Amino acid sequence: MKISSISFKEPPVYHEFPPLYEGLGLPELSSFIQQRFEFAYTLGKVERTGLGSIRFYKRQGDFEVLIPDKLPGVGPIKLGNLKAMLMEEAKTAFIENIESEPEKRKVYYGEFRRPRKDAE
């Protein structure tokens, strides 16, 4: 498996969570910066494309590559290898995009409460 190209589709987006949720230590409720990308990879003799995104969790300092759709011919082991290769390819460009972006696009999350049982 080989990655032939990677291109970012949009500028980085800053996802902000309220401080109440930041203090819980859960990565899924921590503020992060995300950027979507498109990539082309070669599997055997066939070249295919896929969509993914890279995230930087600000509090933990961790990076993560997400691939939302299943890729044909890629099982769990190959998917792990593909994510590692995409991380190597995309990480430095992602950091440069964060630093060079003049206008920050932000998404704010409010409170996450369960609806009341009697409410529809």
N, C-alpha and C. Protein backbone atom coordinates (compact mmCIF):
# COMPACT_ATOMS: atom_id res chain seq x y z
N MET A 1 0.85 -1.17 0.00
CA MET A 1 0.00 0.00 0.00
C MET A 1 0.90 1.24 0.00
N LYS A 2 0.49 2.22 -0.82
CA LYS A 2 1.28 3.44 -0.95
C LYS A 2 0.33 4.62 -1.13
N ILE A 3 0.68 5.76 -0.53
CA ILE A 3 -0.12 6.97 -0.70
C ILE A 3 0.50 7.78 -1.83
N SER A 4 -0.30 8.08 -2.87
CA SER A 4 0.23 8.83 -4.00
C SER A 4 0.01 10.33 -3.88
N SER A 5 -1.08 10.76 -3.26
CA SER A 5 -1.30 12.20 -3.10
C SER A 5 -2.24 12.47 -1.93
N ILE A 6 -2.12 13.67 -1.41
CA ILE A 6 -3.01 14.12 -0.33
C ILE A 6 -3.24 15.61 -0.54
N SER A 7 -4.50 16.04 -0.43
CA SER A 7 -4.81 17.46 -0.60
C SER A 7 -5.91 17.85 0.38
N PHE A 8 -5.71 18.99 1.03
CA PHE A 8 -6.68 19.47 2.00
C PHE A 8 -7.85 20.13 1.28
N LYS A 9 -9.06 19.86 1.75
CA LYS A 9 -10.28 20.31 1.09
C LYS A 9 -10.77 21.67 1.60
N GLU A 10 -10.45 22.03 2.81
CA GLU A 10 -10.94 23.25 3.43
C GLU A 10 -9.95 23.69 4.50
N PRO A 11 -10.06 24.94 4.97
CA PRO A 11 -9.15 25.39 6.02
C PRO A 11 -9.45 24.70 7.36
N PRO A 12 -8.51 24.77 8.31
CA PRO A 12 -8.74 24.15 9.62
C PRO A 12 -9.94 24.77 10.34
N VAL A 13 -10.66 23.94 11.08
CA VAL A 13 -11.81 24.40 11.86
C VAL A 13 -11.51 24.14 13.33
N TYR A 14 -11.74 25.15 14.16
CA TYR A 14 -11.50 25.07 15.59
C TYR A 14 -12.81 24.69 16.28
N HIS A 15 -12.83 23.55 16.98
CA HIS A 15 -14.01 23.09 17.72
C HIS A 15 -13.77 23.37 19.20
N GLU A 16 -14.58 24.25 19.76
CA GLU A 16 -14.40 24.67 21.15
C GLU A 16 -15.50 24.08 22.04
N PHE A 17 -15.11 23.51 23.17
CA PHE A 17 -16.06 22.98 24.15
C PHE A 17 -16.02 23.86 25.39
N PRO A 18 -17.13 23.95 26.13
CA PRO A 18 -17.13 24.74 27.37
C PRO A 18 -16.14 24.17 28.39
N PRO A 19 -15.60 25.03 29.25
CA PRO A 19 -14.62 24.56 30.25
C PRO A 19 -15.16 23.46 31.16
N LEU A 20 -16.47 23.43 31.37
CA LEU A 20 -17.07 22.39 32.20
C LEU A 20 -16.74 21.00 31.66
N TYR A 21 -16.78 20.84 30.34
CA TYR A 21 -16.52 19.55 29.72
C TYR A 21 -15.03 19.29 29.51
N GLU A 22 -14.26 20.36 29.35
CA GLU A 22 -12.81 20.21 29.17
C GLU A 22 -12.17 19.53 30.37
N GLY A 23 -12.68 19.83 31.57
CA GLY A 23 -12.09 19.31 32.80
C GLY A 23 -12.36 17.85 33.05
N LEU A 24 -13.20 17.20 32.27
CA LEU A 24 -13.54 15.80 32.49
C LEU A 24 -12.44 14.84 32.03
N GLY A 25 -11.56 15.30 31.14
CA GLY A 25 -10.46 14.47 30.66
C GLY A 25 -10.85 13.50 29.56
N LEU A 26 -12.04 13.66 29.00
CA LEU A 26 -12.47 12.78 27.91
C LEU A 26 -12.06 13.38 26.58
N PRO A 27 -11.34 12.64 25.74
CA PRO A 27 -10.88 13.22 24.47
C PRO A 27 -12.02 13.64 23.55
N GLU A 28 -13.15 12.93 23.61
CA GLU A 28 -14.25 13.29 22.72
C GLU A 28 -14.96 14.57 23.16
N LEU A 29 -14.68 15.04 24.38
CA LEU A 29 -15.25 16.30 24.87
C LEU A 29 -14.16 17.32 25.11
N SER A 30 -13.09 17.25 24.34
CA SER A 30 -11.99 18.19 24.45
C SER A 30 -11.92 19.02 23.18
N SER A 31 -11.53 20.27 23.31
CA SER A 31 -11.41 21.15 22.15
C SER A 31 -10.36 20.61 21.19
N PHE A 32 -10.64 20.74 19.90
CA PHE A 32 -9.71 20.23 18.90
C PHE A 32 -9.78 21.08 17.64
N ILE A 33 -8.75 20.93 16.81
CA ILE A 33 -8.69 21.57 15.51
C ILE A 33 -8.74 20.45 14.48
N GLN A 34 -9.57 20.61 13.46
CA GLN A 34 -9.76 19.54 12.48
C GLN A 34 -9.69 20.11 11.07
N GLN A 35 -9.11 19.33 10.18
CA GLN A 35 -9.06 19.70 8.77
C GLN A 35 -9.30 18.45 7.93
N ARG A 36 -10.19 18.59 6.93
CA ARG A 36 -10.53 17.47 6.06
C ARG A 36 -9.57 17.43 4.87
N PHE A 37 -9.34 16.21 4.39
CA PHE A 37 -8.47 16.04 3.24
C PHE A 37 -8.95 14.90 2.36
N GLU A 38 -8.45 14.91 1.13
CA GLU A 38 -8.70 13.84 0.17
C GLU A 38 -7.36 13.20 -0.14
N PHE A 39 -7.34 11.89 -0.27
CA PHE A 39 -6.07 11.22 -0.55
C PHE A 39 -6.27 10.14 -1.61
N ALA A 40 -5.20 9.85 -2.30
CA ALA A 40 -5.18 8.77 -3.28
C ALA A 40 -4.17 7.75 -2.79
N TYR A 41 -4.55 6.49 -2.86
CA TYR A 41 -3.66 5.43 -2.41
C TYR A 41 -3.67 4.29 -3.42
N THR A 42 -2.58 3.56 -3.44
CA THR A 42 -2.44 2.43 -4.35
C THR A 42 -2.47 1.16 -3.52
N LEU A 43 -3.37 0.28 -3.90
CA LEU A 43 -3.49 -1.01 -3.23
C LEU A 43 -3.34 -2.08 -4.30
N GLY A 44 -2.19 -2.72 -4.33
CA GLY A 44 -1.88 -3.64 -5.43
C GLY A 44 -1.61 -2.82 -6.68
N LYS A 45 -2.39 -3.08 -7.75
CA LYS A 45 -2.23 -2.32 -8.99
C LYS A 45 -3.33 -1.28 -9.17
N VAL A 46 -4.24 -1.22 -8.22
CA VAL A 46 -5.40 -0.33 -8.32
C VAL A 46 -5.17 0.94 -7.50
N GLU A 47 -5.44 2.09 -8.14
CA GLU A 47 -5.35 3.36 -7.40
C GLU A 47 -6.75 3.81 -7.06
N ARG A 48 -6.96 4.15 -5.79
CA ARG A 48 -8.27 4.57 -5.30
C ARG A 48 -8.14 5.86 -4.52
N THR A 49 -9.28 6.50 -4.29
CA THR A 49 -9.28 7.74 -3.50
C THR A 49 -10.15 7.55 -2.26
N GLY A 50 -9.89 8.37 -1.27
CA GLY A 50 -10.66 8.33 -0.04
C GLY A 50 -10.69 9.69 0.61
N LEU A 51 -11.57 9.84 1.58
CA LEU A 51 -11.69 11.09 2.34
C LEU A 51 -11.35 10.81 3.79
N GLY A 52 -10.74 11.79 4.42
CA GLY A 52 -10.39 11.65 5.82
C GLY A 52 -10.25 13.01 6.46
N SER A 53 -9.92 13.00 7.74
CA SER A 53 -9.66 14.25 8.44
C SER A 53 -8.59 14.00 9.48
N ILE A 54 -7.88 15.06 9.81
CA ILE A 54 -6.86 14.99 10.84
C ILE A 54 -7.28 15.94 11.95
N ARG A 55 -7.12 15.49 13.18
CA ARG A 55 -7.47 16.29 14.35
C ARG A 55 -6.27 16.49 15.25
N PHE A 56 -6.24 17.66 15.88
CA PHE A 56 -5.24 17.95 16.91
C PHE A 56 -6.00 18.32 18.17
N TYR A 57 -5.89 17.47 19.20
CA TYR A 57 -6.52 17.75 20.49
C TYR A 57 -5.59 18.66 21.28
N LYS A 58 -6.05 19.89 21.50
CA LYS A 58 -5.18 20.92 22.07
C LYS A 58 -4.74 20.59 23.49
N ARG A 59 -5.63 20.12 24.32
CA ARG A 59 -5.30 19.88 25.73
C ARG A 59 -4.31 18.72 25.88
N GLN A 60 -4.53 17.64 25.14
CA GLN A 60 -3.66 16.46 25.25
C GLN A 60 -2.42 16.56 24.37
N GLY A 61 -2.49 17.38 23.31
CA GLY A 61 -1.38 17.48 22.38
C GLY A 61 -1.29 16.29 21.43
N ASP A 62 -2.39 15.57 21.25
CA ASP A 62 -2.41 14.38 20.41
C ASP A 62 -2.97 14.68 19.02
N PHE A 63 -2.48 13.94 18.04
CA PHE A 63 -3.01 14.00 16.67
C PHE A 63 -3.75 12.70 16.40
N GLU A 64 -4.78 12.78 15.54
CA GLU A 64 -5.54 11.60 15.18
C GLU A 64 -6.03 11.73 13.74
N VAL A 65 -5.94 10.65 12.99
CA VAL A 65 -6.48 10.61 11.62
C VAL A 65 -7.77 9.81 11.65
N LEU A 66 -8.82 10.38 11.07
CA LEU A 66 -10.12 9.71 11.01
C LEU A 66 -10.48 9.44 9.55
N ILE A 67 -10.96 8.25 9.28
CA ILE A 67 -11.46 7.89 7.95
C ILE A 67 -12.89 7.40 8.16
N PRO A 68 -13.88 8.24 7.81
CA PRO A 68 -15.27 7.91 8.14
C PRO A 68 -15.88 6.78 7.31
N ASP A 69 -15.47 6.65 6.06
CA ASP A 69 -16.08 5.65 5.17
C ASP A 69 -15.20 4.42 5.05
N LYS A 70 -15.84 3.29 4.79
CA LYS A 70 -15.07 2.06 4.55
C LYS A 70 -14.39 2.16 3.20
N LEU A 71 -13.18 1.66 3.14
CA LEU A 71 -12.42 1.67 1.89
C LEU A 71 -12.37 0.25 1.35
N PRO A 72 -12.68 0.06 0.06
CA PRO A 72 -12.68 -1.30 -0.51
C PRO A 72 -11.30 -1.93 -0.46
N GLY A 73 -11.25 -3.16 0.00
CA GLY A 73 -10.00 -3.90 0.05
C GLY A 73 -9.12 -3.57 1.25
N VAL A 74 -9.63 -2.75 2.18
CA VAL A 74 -8.84 -2.35 3.35
C VAL A 74 -9.53 -2.87 4.60
N GLY A 75 -8.89 -3.83 5.26
CA GLY A 75 -9.41 -4.37 6.51
C GLY A 75 -8.86 -3.60 7.70
N PRO A 76 -9.08 -4.10 8.91
CA PRO A 76 -8.65 -3.37 10.10
C PRO A 76 -7.13 -3.19 10.22
N ILE A 77 -6.35 -4.17 9.82
CA ILE A 77 -4.89 -4.06 9.92
C ILE A 77 -4.36 -3.07 8.89
N LYS A 78 -4.84 -3.21 7.65
CA LYS A 78 -4.42 -2.27 6.60
C LYS A 78 -4.90 -0.86 6.90
N LEU A 79 -6.07 -0.74 7.53
CA LEU A 79 -6.60 0.58 7.89
C LEU A 79 -5.68 1.25 8.91
N GLY A 80 -5.21 0.49 9.88
CA GLY A 80 -4.26 1.04 10.86
C GLY A 80 -2.97 1.50 10.20
N ASN A 81 -2.46 0.69 9.26
CA ASN A 81 -1.26 1.07 8.52
C ASN A 81 -1.50 2.31 7.67
N LEU A 82 -2.67 2.38 7.03
CA LEU A 82 -3.00 3.52 6.19
C LEU A 82 -3.10 4.80 7.04
N LYS A 83 -3.72 4.70 8.20
CA LYS A 83 -3.83 5.87 9.09
C LYS A 83 -2.45 6.35 9.54
N ALA A 84 -1.55 5.42 9.82
CA ALA A 84 -0.19 5.79 10.22
C ALA A 84 0.54 6.48 9.07
N MET A 85 0.37 5.98 7.85
CA MET A 85 1.02 6.60 6.70
C MET A 85 0.42 7.98 6.42
N LEU A 86 -0.90 8.10 6.56
CA LEU A 86 -1.55 9.41 6.36
C LEU A 86 -1.10 10.40 7.42
N MET A 87 -0.90 9.93 8.64
CA MET A 87 -0.43 10.81 9.72
C MET A 87 0.94 11.38 9.37
N GLU A 88 1.82 10.52 8.88
CA GLU A 88 3.16 10.98 8.49
C GLU A 88 3.09 12.02 7.37
N GLU A 89 2.22 11.77 6.39
CA GLU A 89 2.11 12.67 5.23
C GLU A 89 1.43 13.99 5.59
N ALA A 90 0.40 13.94 6.41
CA ALA A 90 -0.46 15.11 6.61
C ALA A 90 -0.08 15.97 7.81
N LYS A 91 0.64 15.44 8.76
CA LYS A 91 0.88 16.14 10.02
C LYS A 91 1.60 17.48 9.84
N THR A 92 2.70 17.51 9.12
CA THR A 92 3.46 18.76 8.97
C THR A 92 2.67 19.79 8.17
N ALA A 93 1.99 19.35 7.11
CA ALA A 93 1.18 20.29 6.32
C ALA A 93 0.03 20.84 7.15
N PHE A 94 -0.55 20.00 7.99
CA PHE A 94 -1.65 20.42 8.87
C PHE A 94 -1.17 21.48 9.86
N ILE A 95 -0.02 21.27 10.45
CA ILE A 95 0.53 22.24 11.40
C ILE A 95 0.81 23.56 10.69
N GLU A 96 1.36 23.49 9.48
CA GLU A 96 1.61 24.71 8.70
C GLU A 96 0.31 25.44 8.38
N ASN A 97 -0.74 24.69 8.06
CA ASN A 97 -2.04 25.30 7.77
C ASN A 97 -2.62 26.00 9.00
N ILE A 98 -2.45 25.41 10.16
CA ILE A 98 -2.94 26.02 11.40
C ILE A 98 -2.21 27.33 11.65
N GLU A 99 -0.90 27.31 11.50
CA GLU A 99 -0.10 28.50 11.78
C GLU A 99 -0.31 29.60 10.75
N SER A 100 -0.58 29.25 9.51
CA SER A 100 -0.68 30.25 8.44
C SER A 100 -2.11 30.76 8.22
N GLU A 101 -3.10 30.15 8.84
CA GLU A 101 -4.48 30.55 8.62
C GLU A 101 -4.77 31.90 9.30
N PRO A 102 -5.05 32.95 8.51
CA PRO A 102 -5.28 34.27 9.10
C PRO A 102 -6.63 34.38 9.83
N GLU A 103 -7.67 33.79 9.25
CA GLU A 103 -9.00 33.89 9.86
C GLU A 103 -9.41 32.52 10.36
N LYS A 104 -9.62 32.42 11.67
CA LYS A 104 -9.94 31.13 12.26
C LYS A 104 -11.45 30.86 12.19
N ARG A 105 -11.81 29.70 11.67
CA ARG A 105 -13.21 29.27 11.65
C ARG A 105 -13.44 28.46 12.92
N LYS A 106 -14.44 28.89 13.72
CA LYS A 106 -14.68 28.23 15.00
C LYS A 106 -16.09 27.66 15.07
N VAL A 107 -16.20 26.53 15.77
CA VAL A 107 -17.47 25.91 16.08
C VAL A 107 -17.52 25.81 17.60
N TYR A 108 -18.60 26.35 18.19
CA TYR A 108 -18.75 26.31 19.64
C TYR A 108 -19.82 25.31 20.01
N TYR A 109 -19.54 24.53 21.06
CA TYR A 109 -20.50 23.56 21.56
C TYR A 109 -21.07 24.08 22.86
N GLY A 110 -22.38 23.95 23.00
CA GLY A 110 -23.06 24.40 24.22
C GLY A 110 -23.15 23.27 25.22
N GLU A 111 -24.19 23.32 26.01
CA GLU A 111 -24.38 22.28 27.01
C GLU A 111 -25.00 21.05 26.38
N PHE A 112 -24.67 19.89 26.95
CA PHE A 112 -25.19 18.62 26.46
C PHE A 112 -26.07 18.03 27.55
N ARG A 113 -27.33 18.35 27.51
CA ARG A 113 -28.26 17.82 28.51
C ARG A 113 -29.20 16.82 27.86
N ARG A 114 -29.60 15.88 28.65
CA ARG A 114 -30.60 14.91 28.18
C ARG A 114 -31.96 15.58 28.16
N PRO A 115 -32.78 15.25 27.18
CA PRO A 115 -34.14 15.79 27.18
C PRO A 115 -34.93 15.17 28.33
N ARG A 116 -35.88 15.91 28.84
CA ARG A 116 -36.71 15.39 29.92
C ARG A 116 -37.53 14.22 29.41
N LYS A 117 -37.89 13.33 30.30
CA LYS A 117 -38.63 12.13 29.89
C LYS A 117 -40.02 12.48 29.35
N ASP A 118 -40.65 13.53 29.87
CA ASP A 118 -41.99 13.86 29.42
C ASP A 118 -41.97 14.76 28.17
N ALA A 119 -40.78 15.24 27.77
CA ALA A 119 -40.67 16.08 26.57
C ALA A 119 -40.57 15.18 25.34
N GLU A 120 -41.06 15.67 24.23
CA GLU A 120 -41.00 14.87 23.01
C GLU A 120 -39.77 15.17 22.22
